[in-house]
Amino acid sequence: MTAERRLTIASAAGARLVLALTTGAVAATAQAQQGMDHSAHDSHAGAAQHSPMQHDGMDHGSMAHPPVSAPSPAASVLPLSDADRAAAFPDLPPHAMHQGGSHFLFLADQLEWQDADEGSALAWDISGWYGGDIDRLAFRSEGERTDGHTEEAELQLLWSHAVGPWWETVAGVRQDFKPGSPQTWAAFGVQGMPLFGLETEVTAFLGEGGQSTLRLEAEYDILLTQRWVLQPTAELNLHGRNDEARGVGSGLSDAGFGVRLRYEINRQFAPYIGVTWNRAYGNTADLLRDEDEDVSDTRLVAGIRFWF
C-alpha cells in the first residue's frame, strides 16, 4: 500500500471518530437541556401556587367556572335560645302614667259677641279642671249678658273620675243664678270622646221641688288646615216638668246648633267667627208665645278661644 493510500484511510478514520464524538456530545447536551426545562417548569409551577395571580391580559370570558352553591338558609341560621328571646323582648317597666302628679287646665271654648235681636250680647262657655290622670276637680260655667243685663248664668262644680282612656264620669252640684231666682241642682253624668275630635257631654240634673233636666252636648273639630278649624256644635235640653218661673216646659224644651270657624294663631289662642241657631219646642215654645217672644233665634257671632 502506498503512503498516499495509507494517509487517505487514516484521514477517513479520523473524520469518522470526530463525527461520532460530536454526535454523542450533541445528544448529551440535548438530554441535559430537556431535563433542565422540566425542572424549571416544575419550579415555576410551584412558585405560581404561592404567588398572587396576575389577571391583567387574561381572557376571563374563556375561563369556565364551576357553579357555586349557596349555603342553605337553615344551615346559616342558628336556633334561638331562651337567652336570645329574653334579650330581644325584655320586661318593660311599669307604666308611669298614673303615678302621681297634678295638673290643671283652663279652657274658654266660647267667649264671644253675638248679634241678638234685643241688642249686642256677650256669651261665654268656659271650663277647667285640676288634678291627676284619674280624679279631678272640675268646673263648668256658661251664660249670656245682653245690653248689660244677665239673662242666663250657671256654674257647675264637679268631681270627675276616669273610667277609660277616653271617658270619665262626673258628679257634683250646679248653681243657677239667672233666669229667675237662684236654684241649686245635683249633677251627675258622663263625658268623653266616642270618636277622635268629637267631644260629648251627657249630664242629668235633679233640682229643688222635684225638677229634673237632661242636657246633651257635642262638638266636633274638623281640621281644614294646620291652622283653620271648623267646629260644629249641638245642644239639647229636656225637662221633667214645667217651670213657668224660668220659662221652661216639660219634654224637649230647646235645641241649639252652631258652626264656628277659627284660625289658630297658635294652639292656645284662636279668634273665630260663626253663626248659631236656637229654637224652643213643646211647652217651652208655648210659654214663649204667651210672652210674645220668638221661639227661634239666629245670630252671627265673633269671639276668641284660648286655653292654658
Foldseek 3Di string as FASTA:
>chain_A
DDPVVVVVVVVVVVVVVVVVVVVVVVVVVVVVVVVVVVVVVVVVVVVVVVDDDDPPPDDPVPDDDDDDDDDDPVVVDDDDDPVNVCVVDPDDDDDCQQVDDKDKKKKWADFKWKQFPQGIKTKTWIKMWMGGDFKIWMKIWIFMDGPNRTAWIKMWIWIWGDPDPFKIKIWGKMWTPDDDHIWIWTKIWMWGPPDVQKTKTWMWIATPPRKIKIKIKIKGWDDPDPFKTKIKIKMWMAICADDLRRLAGHGTFKMKIKIKIWGPPDPFKIKIKIKMKMFTDDPSCVSCVVVVHHRMIMIIMIDMIGMD
